[in-house]
Amino acid sequence: MKTAEQDRYGAVEKCRAVLAVWTERKQASVLCRELGMSASLFSQWQDRALSGMLEALEPRGTRAGTEGQGPALSVLVKRLLDRKTRARELETLGRSANWRTRAVRSKVPPPTPSTAAAS
């Protein structure tokens, strides 16, 4: 069942909004204010746009190499694309995108001098 929020903007409006930010014609905060939407909803649109581009442009079978990437991307688009690429790579490893490695602290106390050495 669709909500009013989903019906409010069509695919073309979403594309225009995302591209306006990616091409740095507008700031995301200004765009969200103008459209009366939350930043998290706009973030979802960007995520879906990147996912769609990656899926549509990825060769069937194997992933293309990084050579010959074409023109330079804006910092924002490059960062979003890198984040999405890392998330997809983690998914292929059977891990969720929220999984992070952390250093495990040992709860074993440091060794103390033996009493035999003191005698």
PDB file of N, CA and C in Angstrom:
ATOM      1  N   MET A   1       0.837  -1.184   0.000  1.00  0.00           N
ATOM      2  CA  MET A   1       0.000   0.000   0.000  1.00  0.00           C
ATOM      3  C   MET A   1       0.882   1.248   0.000  1.00  0.00           C
ATOM      4  N   LYS A   2       0.627   2.157  -0.920  1.00  0.00           N
ATOM      5  CA  LYS A   2       1.426   3.376  -1.023  1.00  0.00           C
ATOM      6  C   LYS A   2       0.948   4.416  -0.022  1.00  0.00           C
ATOM      7  N   THR A   3       1.910   5.170   0.495  1.00  0.00           N
ATOM      8  CA  THR A   3       1.567   6.256   1.407  1.00  0.00           C
ATOM      9  C   THR A   3       1.490   7.557   0.613  1.00  0.00           C
ATOM     10  N   ALA A   4       0.974   8.600   1.254  1.00  0.00           N
ATOM     11  CA  ALA A   4       0.880   9.908   0.598  1.00  0.00           C
ATOM     12  C   ALA A   4       2.268  10.435   0.255  1.00  0.00           C
ATOM     13  N   GLU A   5       3.243  10.130   1.098  1.00  0.00           N
ATOM     14  CA  GLU A   5       4.616  10.585   0.855  1.00  0.00           C
ATOM     15  C   GLU A   5       5.192   9.960  -0.401  1.00  0.00           C
ATOM     16  N   GLN A   6       4.887   8.689  -0.660  1.00  0.00           N
ATOM     17  CA  GLN A   6       5.387   8.016  -1.845  1.00  0.00           C
ATOM     18  C   GLN A   6       4.736   8.578  -3.101  1.00  0.00           C
ATOM     19  N   ASP A   7       3.480   8.980  -3.029  1.00  0.00           N
ATOM     20  CA  ASP A   7       2.770   9.527  -4.188  1.00  0.00           C
ATOM     21  C   ASP A   7       3.101  10.990  -4.433  1.00  0.00           C
ATOM     22  N   ARG A   8       3.687  11.643  -3.473  1.00  0.00           N
ATOM     23  CA  ARG A   8       3.926  13.078  -3.566  1.00  0.00           C
ATOM     24  C   ARG A   8       4.914  13.445  -4.673  1.00  0.00           C
ATOM     25  N   TYR A   9       5.953  12.645  -4.846  1.00  0.00           N
ATOM     26  CA  TYR A   9       6.974  12.936  -5.845  1.00  0.00           C
ATOM     27  C   TYR A   9       7.107  11.759  -6.797  1.00  0.00           C
ATOM     28  N   GLY A  10       7.134  12.054  -8.088  1.00  0.00           N
ATOM     29  CA  GLY A  10       7.330  11.017  -9.088  1.00  0.00           C
ATOM     30  C   GLY A  10       8.806  10.780  -9.335  1.00  0.00           C
ATOM     31  N   ALA A  11       9.090   9.819 -10.178  1.00  0.00           N
ATOM     32  CA  ALA A  11      10.473   9.461 -10.473  1.00  0.00           C
ATOM     33  C   ALA A  11      11.245  10.625 -11.093  1.00  0.00           C
ATOM     34  N   VAL A  12      10.593  11.393 -11.949  1.00  0.00           N
ATOM     35  CA  VAL A  12      11.276  12.514 -12.608  1.00  0.00           C
ATOM     36  C   VAL A  12      11.661  13.584 -11.591  1.00  0.00           C
ATOM     37  N   GLU A  13      10.754  13.898 -10.673  1.00  0.00           N
ATOM     38  CA  GLU A  13      11.062  14.899  -9.648  1.00  0.00           C
ATOM     39  C   GLU A  13      12.200  14.428  -8.755  1.00  0.00           C
ATOM     40  N   LYS A  14      12.190  13.137  -8.429  1.00  0.00           N
ATOM     41  CA  LYS A  14      13.260  12.589  -7.593  1.00  0.00           C
ATOM     42  C   LYS A  14      14.604  12.677  -8.320  1.00  0.00           C
ATOM     43  N   CYS A  15      14.610  12.335  -9.603  1.00  0.00           N
ATOM     44  CA  CYS A  15      15.845  12.417 -10.397  1.00  0.00           C
ATOM     45  C   CYS A  15      16.364  13.844 -10.451  1.00  0.00           C
ATOM     46  N   ARG A  16      15.481  14.781 -10.714  1.00  0.00           N
ATOM     47  CA  ARG A  16      15.891  16.187 -10.782  1.00  0.00           C
ATOM     48  C   ARG A  16      16.475  16.661  -9.459  1.00  0.00           C
ATOM     49  N   ALA A  17      15.849  16.262  -8.366  1.00  0.00           N
ATOM     50  CA  ALA A  17      16.324  16.674  -7.043  1.00  0.00           C
ATOM     51  C   ALA A  17      17.713  16.102  -6.764  1.00  0.00           C
ATOM     52  N   VAL A  18      17.888  14.812  -6.997  1.00  0.00           N
ATOM     53  CA  VAL A  18      19.176  14.167  -6.744  1.00  0.00           C
ATOM     54  C   VAL A  18      20.257  14.756  -7.642  1.00  0.00           C
ATOM     55  N   LEU A  19      19.952  14.930  -8.912  1.00  0.00           N
ATOM     56  CA  LEU A  19      20.943  15.478  -9.837  1.00  0.00           C
ATOM     57  C   LEU A  19      21.294  16.928  -9.518  1.00  0.00           C
ATOM     58  N   ALA A  20      20.343  17.697  -9.017  1.00  0.00           N
ATOM     59  CA  ALA A  20      20.629  19.083  -8.639  1.00  0.00           C
ATOM     60  C   ALA A  20      21.679  19.136  -7.533  1.00  0.00           C
ATOM     61  N   VAL A  21      21.608  18.197  -6.602  1.00  0.00           N
ATOM     62  CA  VAL A  21      22.601  18.163  -5.523  1.00  0.00           C
ATOM     63  C   VAL A  21      23.916  17.585  -6.031  1.00  0.00           C
ATOM     64  N   TRP A  22      23.857  16.519  -6.805  1.00  0.00           N
ATOM     65  CA  TRP A  22      25.083  15.890  -7.307  1.00  0.00           C
ATOM     66  C   TRP A  22      25.876  16.813  -8.216  1.00  0.00           C
ATOM     67  N   THR A  23      25.192  17.645  -8.995  1.00  0.00           N
ATOM     68  CA  THR A  23      25.896  18.584  -9.878  1.00  0.00           C
ATOM     69  C   THR A  23      26.221  19.892  -9.160  1.00  0.00           C
ATOM     70  N   GLU A  24      25.931  19.924  -7.873  1.00  0.00           N
ATOM     71  CA  GLU A  24      26.242  21.055  -7.000  1.00  0.00           C
ATOM     72  C   GLU A  24      25.529  22.340  -7.397  1.00  0.00           C
ATOM     73  N   ARG A  25      24.350  22.204  -8.009  1.00  0.00           N
ATOM     74  CA  ARG A  25      23.535  23.385  -8.301  1.00  0.00           C
ATOM     75  C   ARG A  25      22.760  23.822  -7.064  1.00  0.00           C
ATOM     76  N   LYS A  26      22.485  22.868  -6.166  1.00  0.00           N
ATOM     77  CA  LYS A  26      21.796  23.179  -4.919  1.00  0.00           C
ATOM     78  C   LYS A  26      22.412  22.378  -3.791  1.00  0.00           C
ATOM     79  N   GLN A  27      22.279  22.909  -2.594  1.00  0.00           N
ATOM     80  CA  GLN A  27      22.696  22.163  -1.407  1.00  0.00           C
ATOM     81  C   GLN A  27      21.529  21.286  -0.976  1.00  0.00           C
ATOM     82  N   ALA A  28      21.858  20.152  -0.415  1.00  0.00           N
ATOM     83  CA  ALA A  28      20.815  19.209  -0.002  1.00  0.00           C
ATOM     84  C   ALA A  28      19.861  19.830   1.013  1.00  0.00           C
ATOM     85  N   SER A  29      20.398  20.582   1.955  1.00  0.00           N
ATOM     86  CA  SER A  29      19.539  21.191   2.987  1.00  0.00           C
ATOM     87  C   SER A  29      18.555  22.191   2.380  1.00  0.00           C
ATOM     88  N   VAL A  30      19.023  22.964   1.397  1.00  0.00           N
ATOM     89  CA  VAL A  30      18.149  23.942   0.739  1.00  0.00           C
ATOM     90  C   VAL A  30      17.064  23.219  -0.057  1.00  0.00           C
ATOM     91  N   LEU A  31      17.456  22.189  -0.785  1.00  0.00           N
ATOM     92  CA  LEU A  31      16.504  21.419  -1.582  1.00  0.00           C
ATOM     93  C   LEU A  31      15.438  20.783  -0.696  1.00  0.00           C
ATOM     94  N   CYS A  32      15.851  20.196   0.407  1.00  0.00           N
ATOM     95  CA  CYS A  32      14.895  19.563   1.327  1.00  0.00           C
ATOM     96  C   CYS A  32      13.914  20.593   1.883  1.00  0.00           C
ATOM     97  N   ARG A  33      14.426  21.758   2.211  1.00  0.00           N
ATOM     98  CA  ARG A  33      13.552  22.818   2.714  1.00  0.00           C
ATOM     99  C   ARG A  33      12.549  23.248   1.653  1.00  0.00           C
ATOM    100  N   GLU A  34      13.024  23.423   0.412  1.00  0.00           N
ATOM    101  CA  GLU A  34      12.135  23.839  -0.682  1.00  0.00           C
ATOM    102  C   GLU A  34      11.047  22.802  -0.961  1.00  0.00           C
ATOM    103  N   LEU A  35      11.416  21.521  -0.882  1.00  0.00           N
ATOM    104  CA  LEU A  35      10.454  20.459  -1.176  1.00  0.00           C
ATOM    105  C   LEU A  35       9.649  20.039   0.049  1.00  0.00           C
ATOM    106  N   GLY A  36      10.002  20.563   1.205  1.00  0.00           N
ATOM    107  CA  GLY A  36       9.291  20.212   2.427  1.00  0.00           C
ATOM    108  C   GLY A  36       9.464  18.750   2.805  1.00  0.00           C
ATOM    109  N   MET A  37      10.680  18.270   2.698  1.00  0.00           N
ATOM    110  CA  MET A  37      10.955  16.865   2.996  1.00  0.00           C
ATOM    111  C   MET A  37      12.115  16.749   3.967  1.00  0.00           C
ATOM    112  N   SER A  38      12.250  15.578   4.566  1.00  0.00           N
ATOM    113  CA  SER A  38      13.335  15.364   5.525  1.00  0.00           C
ATOM    114  C   SER A  38      14.632  15.008   4.792  1.00  0.00           C
ATOM    115  N   ALA A  39      15.728  15.267   5.469  1.00  0.00           N
ATOM    116  CA  ALA A  39      17.031  14.929   4.908  1.00  0.00           C
ATOM    117  C   ALA A  39      17.196  13.422   4.776  1.00  0.00           C
ATOM    118  N   SER A  40      16.581  12.667   5.675  1.00  0.00           N
ATOM    119  CA  SER A  40      16.697  11.204   5.602  1.00  0.00           C
ATOM    120  C   SER A  40      15.974  10.654   4.371  1.00  0.00           C
ATOM    121  N   LEU A  41      14.842  11.246   4.004  1.00  0.00           N
ATOM    122  CA  LEU A  41      14.138  10.812   2.797  1.00  0.00           C
ATOM    123  C   LEU A  41      14.988  11.117   1.559  1.00  0.00           C
ATOM    124  N   PHE A  42      15.597  12.301   1.535  1.00  0.00           N
ATOM    125  CA  PHE A  42      16.462  12.635   0.406  1.00  0.00           C
ATOM    126  C   PHE A  42      17.661  11.694   0.345  1.00  0.00           C
ATOM    127  N   SER A  43      18.202  11.334   1.491  1.00  0.00           N
ATOM    128  CA  SER A  43      19.308  10.383   1.541  1.00  0.00           C
ATOM    129  C   SER A  43      18.893   9.029   0.953  1.00  0.00           C
ATOM    130  N   GLN A  44      17.674   8.614   1.215  1.00  0.00           N
ATOM    131  CA  GLN A  44      17.155   7.368   0.634  1.00  0.00           C
ATOM    132  C   GLN A  44      17.077   7.476  -0.881  1.00  0.00           C
ATOM    133  N   TRP A  45      16.661   8.636  -1.387  1.00  0.00           N
ATOM    134  CA  TRP A  45      16.591   8.836  -2.840  1.00  0.00           C
ATOM    135  C   TRP A  45      17.984   8.709  -3.454  1.00  0.00           C
ATOM    136  N   GLN A  46      18.974   9.337  -2.810  1.00  0.00           N
ATOM    137  CA  GLN A  46      20.342   9.257  -3.330  1.00  0.00           C
ATOM    138  C   GLN A  46      20.838   7.812  -3.331  1.00  0.00           C
ATOM    139  N   ASP A  47      20.549   7.112  -2.259  1.00  0.00           N
ATOM    140  CA  ASP A  47      20.949   5.705  -2.148  1.00  0.00           C
ATOM    141  C   ASP A  47      20.323   4.867  -3.261  1.00  0.00           C
ATOM    142  N   ARG A  48      19.040   5.070  -3.498  1.00  0.00           N
ATOM    143  CA  ARG A  48      18.345   4.316  -4.545  1.00  0.00           C
ATOM    144  C   ARG A  48      18.859   4.681  -5.923  1.00  0.00           C
ATOM    145  N   ALA A  49      19.178   5.943  -6.139  1.00  0.00           N
ATOM    146  CA  ALA A  49      19.705   6.379  -7.433  1.00  0.00           C
ATOM    147  C   ALA A  49      21.061   5.731  -7.698  1.00  0.00           C
ATOM    148  N   LEU A  50      21.930   5.717  -6.690  1.00  0.00           N
ATOM    149  CA  LEU A  50      23.232   5.077  -6.854  1.00  0.00           C
ATOM    150  C   LEU A  50      23.093   3.578  -7.082  1.00  0.00           C
ATOM    151  N   SER A  51      22.205   2.942  -6.327  1.00  0.00           N
ATOM    152  CA  SER A  51      21.985   1.505  -6.507  1.00  0.00           C
ATOM    153  C   SER A  51      21.499   1.209  -7.909  1.00  0.00           C
ATOM    154  N   GLY A  52      20.574   2.019  -8.382  1.00  0.00           N
ATOM    155  CA  GLY A  52      20.045   1.819  -9.725  1.00  0.00           C
ATOM    156  C   GLY A  52      21.105   2.007 -10.794  1.00  0.00           C
ATOM    157  N   MET A  53      21.949   3.021 -10.624  1.00  0.00           N
ATOM    158  CA  MET A  53      23.019   3.241 -11.604  1.00  0.00           C
ATOM    159  C   MET A  53      24.014   2.095 -11.597  1.00  0.00           C
ATOM    160  N   LEU A  54      24.402   1.661 -10.408  1.00  0.00           N
ATOM    161  CA  LEU A  54      25.360   0.559 -10.322  1.00  0.00           C
ATOM    162  C   LEU A  54      24.791  -0.699 -10.959  1.00  0.00           C
ATOM    163  N   GLU A  55      23.539  -0.978 -10.666  1.00  0.00           N
ATOM    164  CA  GLU A  55      22.915  -2.180 -11.227  1.00  0.00           C
ATOM    165  C   GLU A  55      22.763  -2.079 -12.738  1.00  0.00           C
ATOM    166  N   ALA A  56      22.359  -0.914 -13.219  1.00  0.00           N
ATOM    167  CA  ALA A  56      22.125  -0.744 -14.656  1.00  0.00           C
ATOM    168  C   ALA A  56      23.425  -0.738 -15.454  1.00  0.00           C
ATOM    169  N   LEU A  57      24.487  -0.229 -14.878  1.00  0.00           N
ATOM    170  CA  LEU A  57      25.734  -0.079 -15.617  1.00  0.00           C
ATOM    171  C   LEU A  57      26.735  -1.209 -15.380  1.00  0.00           C
ATOM    172  N   GLU A  58      26.442  -2.073 -14.442  1.00  0.00           N
ATOM    173  CA  GLU A  58      27.349  -3.175 -14.154  1.00  0.00           C
ATOM    174  C   GLU A  58      27.222  -4.240 -15.240  1.00  0.00           C
ATOM    175  N   PRO A  59      28.355  -4.677 -15.800  1.00  0.00           N
ATOM    176  CA  PRO A  59      28.279  -5.717 -16.820  1.00  0.00           C
ATOM    177  C   PRO A  59      27.722  -7.006 -16.227  1.00  0.00           C
ATOM    178  N   ARG A  60      27.049  -7.747 -17.037  1.00  0.00           N
ATOM    179  CA  ARG A  60      26.492  -9.004 -16.553  1.00  0.00           C
ATOM    180  C   ARG A  60      27.614  -9.992 -16.319  1.00  0.00           C
ATOM    181  N   GLY A  61      27.544 -10.692 -15.250  1.00  0.00           N
ATOM    182  CA  GLY A  61      28.566 -11.686 -14.935  1.00  0.00           C
ATOM    183  C   GLY A  61      29.609 -11.154 -13.984  1.00  0.00           C
ATOM    184  N   THR A  62      30.492 -10.307 -14.463  1.00  0.00           N
ATOM    185  CA  THR A  62      31.572  -9.806 -13.602  1.00  0.00           C
ATOM    186  C   THR A  62      31.535  -8.299 -13.533  1.00  0.00           C
ATOM    187  N   ARG A  63      32.118  -7.783 -12.490  1.00  0.00           N
ATOM    188  CA  ARG A  63      32.191  -6.338 -12.285  1.00  0.00           C
ATOM    189  C   ARG A  63      33.342  -5.778 -13.105  1.00  0.00           C
ATOM    190  N   ALA A  64      33.128  -4.638 -13.723  1.00  0.00           N
ATOM    191  CA  ALA A  64      34.178  -4.004 -14.534  1.00  0.00           C
ATOM    192  C   ALA A  64      35.272  -3.479 -13.624  1.00  0.00           C
ATOM    193  N   GLY A  65      36.475  -3.363 -14.151  1.00  0.00           N
ATOM    194  CA  GLY A  65      37.608  -2.834 -13.397  1.00  0.00           C
ATOM    195  C   GLY A  65      37.480  -1.339 -13.204  1.00  0.00           C
ATOM    196  N   THR A  66      38.423  -0.768 -12.518  1.00  0.00           N
ATOM    197  CA  THR A  66      38.351   0.662 -12.208  1.00  0.00           C
ATOM    198  C   THR A  66      39.053   1.524 -13.239  1.00  0.00           C
ATOM    199  N   GLU A  67      39.773   0.935 -14.185  1.00  0.00           N
ATOM    200  CA  GLU A  67      40.471   1.747 -15.180  1.00  0.00           C
ATOM    201  C   GLU A  67      39.481   2.390 -16.149  1.00  0.00           C
ATOM    202  N   GLY A  68      39.819   3.567 -16.617  1.00  0.00           N
ATOM    203  CA  GLY A  68      38.975   4.276 -17.579  1.00  0.00           C
ATOM    204  C   GLY A  68      37.640   4.693 -16.999  1.00  0.00           C
ATOM    205  N   GLN A  69      37.646   5.308 -15.816  1.00  0.00           N
ATOM    206  CA  GLN A  69      36.399   5.654 -15.152  1.00  0.00           C
ATOM    207  C   GLN A  69      35.697   6.847 -15.773  1.00  0.00           C
ATOM    208  N   GLY A  70      36.326   7.550 -16.661  1.00  0.00           N
ATOM    209  CA  GLY A  70      35.678   8.692 -17.281  1.00  0.00           C
ATOM    210  C   GLY A  70      35.972   9.977 -16.542  1.00  0.00           C
ATOM    211  N   PRO A  71      35.129  10.996 -16.705  1.00  0.00           N
ATOM    212  CA  PRO A  71      35.392  12.295 -16.105  1.00  0.00           C
ATOM    213  C   PRO A  71      35.331  12.243 -14.579  1.00  0.00           C
ATOM    214  N   ALA A  72      36.011  13.206 -13.975  1.00  0.00           N
ATOM    215  CA  ALA A  72      36.053  13.260 -12.518  1.00  0.00           C
ATOM    216  C   ALA A  72      34.659  13.519 -11.958  1.00  0.00           C
ATOM    217  N   LEU A  73      34.375  12.899 -10.823  1.00  0.00           N
ATOM    218  CA  LEU A  73      33.093  13.075 -10.156  1.00  0.00           C
ATOM    219  C   LEU A  73      33.235  14.132  -9.076  1.00  0.00           C
ATOM    220  N   SER A  74      32.125  14.771  -8.734  1.00  0.00           N
ATOM    221  CA  SER A  74      32.180  15.713  -7.622  1.00  0.00           C
ATOM    222  C   SER A  74      32.489  14.925  -6.353  1.00  0.00           C
ATOM    223  N   VAL A  75      32.985  15.602  -5.365  1.00  0.00           N
ATOM    224  CA  VAL A  75      33.380  14.960  -4.118  1.00  0.00           C
ATOM    225  C   VAL A  75      32.196  14.220  -3.496  1.00  0.00           C
ATOM    226  N   LEU A  76      31.031  14.841  -3.511  1.00  0.00           N
ATOM    227  CA  LEU A  76      29.836  14.232  -2.924  1.00  0.00           C
ATOM    228  C   LEU A  76      29.466  12.945  -3.642  1.00  0.00           C
ATOM    229  N   VAL A  77      29.412  12.971  -4.958  1.00  0.00           N
ATOM    230  CA  VAL A  77      29.020  11.794  -5.728  1.00  0.00           C
ATOM    231  C   VAL A  77      30.064  10.697  -5.557  1.00  0.00           C
ATOM    232  N   LYS A  78      31.335  11.067  -5.559  1.00  0.00           N
ATOM    233  CA  LYS A  78      32.389  10.064  -5.374  1.00  0.00           C
ATOM    234  C   LYS A  78      32.273   9.396  -4.012  1.00  0.00           C
ATOM    235  N   ARG A  79      32.031  10.172  -2.965  1.00  0.00           N
ATOM    236  CA  ARG A  79      31.896   9.620  -1.618  1.00  0.00           C
ATOM    237  C   ARG A  79      30.685   8.693  -1.530  1.00  0.00           C
ATOM    238  N   LEU A  80      29.549   9.107  -2.092  1.00  0.00           N
ATOM    239  CA  LEU A  80      28.351   8.270  -2.076  1.00  0.00           C
ATOM    240  C   LEU A  80      28.564   6.986  -2.865  1.00  0.00           C
ATOM    241  N   LEU A  81      29.216   7.113  -4.011  1.00  0.00           N
ATOM    242  CA  LEU A  81      29.479   5.943  -4.847  1.00  0.00           C
ATOM    243  C   LEU A  81      30.429   4.976  -4.150  1.00  0.00           C
ATOM    244  N   ASP A  82      31.469   5.500  -3.498  1.00  0.00           N
ATOM    245  CA  ASP A  82      32.396   4.650  -2.752  1.00  0.00           C
ATOM    246  C   ASP A  82      31.682   3.920  -1.624  1.00  0.00           C
ATOM    247  N   ARG A  83      30.794   4.634  -0.910  1.00  0.00           N
ATOM    248  CA  ARG A  83      30.058   4.024   0.194  1.00  0.00           C
ATOM    249  C   ARG A  83      29.159   2.896  -0.317  1.00  0.00           C
ATOM    250  N   LYS A  84      28.471   3.140  -1.422  1.00  0.00           N
ATOM    251  CA  LYS A  84      27.571   2.136  -1.983  1.00  0.00           C
ATOM    252  C   LYS A  84      28.365   0.936  -2.491  1.00  0.00           C
ATOM    253  N   THR A  85      29.514   1.180  -3.110  1.00  0.00           N
ATOM    254  CA  THR A  85      30.353   0.087  -3.605  1.00  0.00           C
ATOM    255  C   THR A  85      30.828  -0.785  -2.457  1.00  0.00           C
ATOM    256  N   ARG A  86      31.276  -0.142  -1.351  1.00  0.00           N
ATOM    257  CA  ARG A  86      31.718  -0.913  -0.184  1.00  0.00           C
ATOM    258  C   ARG A  86      30.574  -1.733   0.388  1.00  0.00           C
ATOM    259  N   ALA A  87      29.388  -1.151   0.458  1.00  0.00           N
ATOM    260  CA  ALA A  87      28.229  -1.873   0.999  1.00  0.00           C
ATOM    261  C   ALA A  87      27.892  -3.084   0.141  1.00  0.00           C
ATOM    262  N   ARG A  88      27.958  -2.920  -1.183  1.00  0.00           N
ATOM    263  CA  ARG A  88      27.678  -4.051  -2.072  1.00  0.00           C
ATOM    264  C   ARG A  88      28.733  -5.137  -1.946  1.00  0.00           C
ATOM    265  N   GLU A  89      29.988  -4.747  -1.787  1.00  0.00           N
ATOM    266  CA  GLU A  89      31.055  -5.736  -1.615  1.00  0.00           C
ATOM    267  C   GLU A  89      30.861  -6.517  -0.324  1.00  0.00           C
ATOM    268  N   LEU A  90      30.454  -5.825   0.754  1.00  0.00           N
ATOM    269  CA  LEU A  90      30.196  -6.514   2.011  1.00  0.00           C
ATOM    270  C   LEU A  90      29.022  -7.484   1.875  1.00  0.00           C
ATOM    271  N   GLU A  91      28.003  -7.087   1.130  1.00  0.00           N
ATOM    272  CA  GLU A  91      26.859  -7.969   0.923  1.00  0.00           C
ATOM    273  C   GLU A  91      27.275  -9.237   0.195  1.00  0.00           C
ATOM    274  N   THR A  92      28.181  -9.113  -0.760  1.00  0.00           N
ATOM    275  CA  THR A  92      28.621 -10.301  -1.491  1.00  0.00           C
ATOM    276  C   THR A  92      29.437 -11.222  -0.597  1.00  0.00           C
ATOM    277  N   LEU A  93      30.001 -10.684   0.470  1.00  0.00           N
ATOM    278  CA  LEU A  93      30.736 -11.506   1.419  1.00  0.00           C
ATOM    279  C   LEU A  93      29.814 -12.122   2.466  1.00  0.00           C
ATOM    280  N   GLY A  94      28.522 -11.833   2.375  1.00  0.00           N
ATOM    281  CA  GLY A  94      27.561 -12.387   3.314  1.00  0.00           C
ATOM    282  C   GLY A  94      27.443 -11.603   4.600  1.00  0.00           C
ATOM    283  N   ARG A  95      27.887 -10.362   4.557  1.00  0.00           N
ATOM    284  CA  ARG A  95      27.815  -9.500   5.731  1.00  0.00           C
ATOM    285  C   ARG A  95      26.863  -8.368   5.438  1.00  0.00           C
ATOM    286  N   SER A  96      26.264  -7.803   6.454  1.00  0.00           N
ATOM    287  CA  SER A  96      25.400  -6.646   6.256  1.00  0.00           C
ATOM    288  C   SER A  96      26.249  -5.398   6.107  1.00  0.00           C
ATOM    289  N   ALA A  97      25.684  -4.346   5.541  1.00  0.00           N
ATOM    290  CA  ALA A  97      26.418  -3.097   5.326  1.00  0.00           C
ATOM    291  C   ALA A  97      26.731  -2.399   6.647  1.00  0.00           C
ATOM    292  N   ASN A  98      26.037  -2.747   7.729  1.00  0.00           N
ATOM    293  CA  ASN A  98      26.281  -2.105   9.016  1.00  0.00           C
ATOM    294  C   ASN A  98      27.361  -2.816   9.824  1.00  0.00           C
ATOM    295  N   TRP A  99      27.867  -3.928   9.336  1.00  0.00           N
ATOM    296  CA  TRP A  99      28.874  -4.692  10.055  1.00  0.00           C
ATOM    297  C   TRP A  99      30.186  -3.942  10.052  1.00  0.00           C
ATOM    298  N   ARG A 100      30.798  -3.814  11.186  1.00  0.00           N
ATOM    299  CA  ARG A 100      32.077  -3.150  11.283  1.00  0.00           C
ATOM    300  C   ARG A 100      32.986  -3.993  12.174  1.00  0.00           C
ATOM    301  N   THR A 101      34.247  -3.992  11.831  1.00  0.00           N
ATOM    302  CA  THR A 101      35.193  -4.704  12.676  1.00  0.00           C
ATOM    303  C   THR A 101      35.628  -3.794  13.800  1.00  0.00           C
ATOM    304  N   ARG A 102      35.766  -4.343  14.962  1.00  0.00           N
ATOM    305  CA  ARG A 102      36.222  -3.581  16.118  1.00  0.00           C
ATOM    306  C   ARG A 102      37.338  -4.345  16.787  1.00  0.00           C
ATOM    307  N   ALA A 103      38.250  -3.593  17.368  1.00  0.00           N
ATOM    308  CA  ALA A 103      39.323  -4.223  18.125  1.00  0.00           C
ATOM    309  C   ALA A 103      38.719  -4.815  19.389  1.00  0.00           C
ATOM    310  N   VAL A 104      39.064  -6.018  19.680  1.00  0.00           N
ATOM    311  CA  VAL A 104      38.537  -6.685  20.862  1.00  0.00           C
ATOM    312  C   VAL A 104      39.532  -6.495  21.988  1.00  0.00           C
ATOM    313  N   ARG A 105      39.044  -5.958  23.074  1.00  0.00           N
ATOM    314  CA  ARG A 105      39.910  -5.751  24.228  1.00  0.00           C
ATOM    315  C   ARG A 105      39.963  -7.024  25.051  1.00  0.00           C
ATOM    316  N   SER A 106      41.123  -7.380  25.431  1.00  0.00           N
ATOM    317  CA  SER A 106      41.315  -8.577  26.237  1.00  0.00           C
ATOM    318  C   SER A 106      40.941  -8.270  27.674  1.00  0.00           C
ATOM    319  N   LYS A 107      40.170  -9.162  28.295  1.00  0.00           N
ATOM    320  CA  LYS A 107      39.790  -8.978  29.691  1.00  0.00           C
ATOM    321  C   LYS A 107      40.711  -9.770  30.619  1.00  0.00           C
ATOM    322  N   VAL A 108      41.717 -10.382  30.064  1.00  0.00           N
ATOM    323  CA  VAL A 108      42.681 -11.119  30.861  1.00  0.00           C
ATOM    324  C   VAL A 108      43.670 -10.119  31.452  1.00  0.00           C
ATOM    325  N   PRO A 109      43.883 -10.172  32.782  1.00  0.00           N
ATOM    326  CA  PRO A 109      44.814  -9.203  33.387  1.00  0.00           C
ATOM    327  C   PRO A 109      46.234  -9.475  32.925  1.00  0.00           C
ATOM    328  N   PRO A 110      47.070  -8.448  32.934  1.00  0.00           N
ATOM    329  CA  PRO A 110      48.461  -8.639  32.517  1.00  0.00           C
ATOM    330  C   PRO A 110      49.158  -9.616  33.461  1.00  0.00           C
ATOM    331  N   PRO A 111      50.150 -10.344  32.955  1.00  0.00           N
ATOM    332  CA  PRO A 111      50.842 -11.314  33.814  1.00  0.00           C
ATOM    333  C   PRO A 111      51.575 -10.620  34.950  1.00  0.00           C
ATOM    334  N   THR A 112      51.540 -11.279  36.103  1.00  0.00           N
ATOM    335  CA  THR A 112      52.249 -10.739  37.281  1.00  0.00           C
ATOM    336  C   THR A 112      53.517 -11.549  37.479  1.00  0.00           C
ATOM    337  N   PRO A 113      54.530 -10.964  38.107  1.00  0.00           N
ATOM    338  CA  PRO A 113      55.763 -11.723  38.362  1.00  0.00           C
ATOM    339  C   PRO A 113      55.440 -12.948  39.214  1.00  0.00           C
ATOM    340  N   SER A 114      56.044 -14.046  38.874  1.00  0.00           N
ATOM    341  CA  SER A 114      55.744 -15.279  39.618  1.00  0.00           C
ATOM    342  C   SER A 114      56.370 -15.228  41.004  1.00  0.00           C
ATOM    343  N   THR A 115      55.732 -15.920  41.918  1.00  0.00           N
ATOM    344  CA  THR A 115      56.232 -15.943  43.294  1.00  0.00           C
ATOM    345  C   THR A 115      57.473 -16.814  43.413  1.00  0.00           C
ATOM    346  N   ALA A 116      57.649 -17.751  42.453  1.00  0.00           N
ATOM    347  CA  ALA A 116      58.820 -18.618  42.475  1.00  0.00           C
ATOM    348  C   ALA A 116      60.094 -17.816  42.198  1.00  0.00           C
ATOM    349  N   ALA A 117      59.986 -16.784  41.384  1.00  0.00           N
ATOM    350  CA  ALA A 117      61.165 -15.983  41.053  1.00  0.00           C
ATOM    351  C   ALA A 117      61.587 -15.147  42.257  1.00  0.00           C
ATOM    352  N   ALA A 118      60.642 -14.820  43.124  1.00  0.00           N
ATOM    353  CA  ALA A 118      60.948 -14.001  44.294  1.00  0.00           C
ATOM    354  C   ALA A 118      61.624 -14.802  45.383  1.00  0.00           C
ATOM    355  N   SER A 119      61.524 -16.137  45.434  1.00  0.00           N
ATOM    356  CA  SER A 119      62.098 -16.920  46.537  1.00  0.00           C
ATOM    357  C   SER A 119      63.537 -17.221  46.357  1.00  0.00           C
TER     358      SER A 119
END
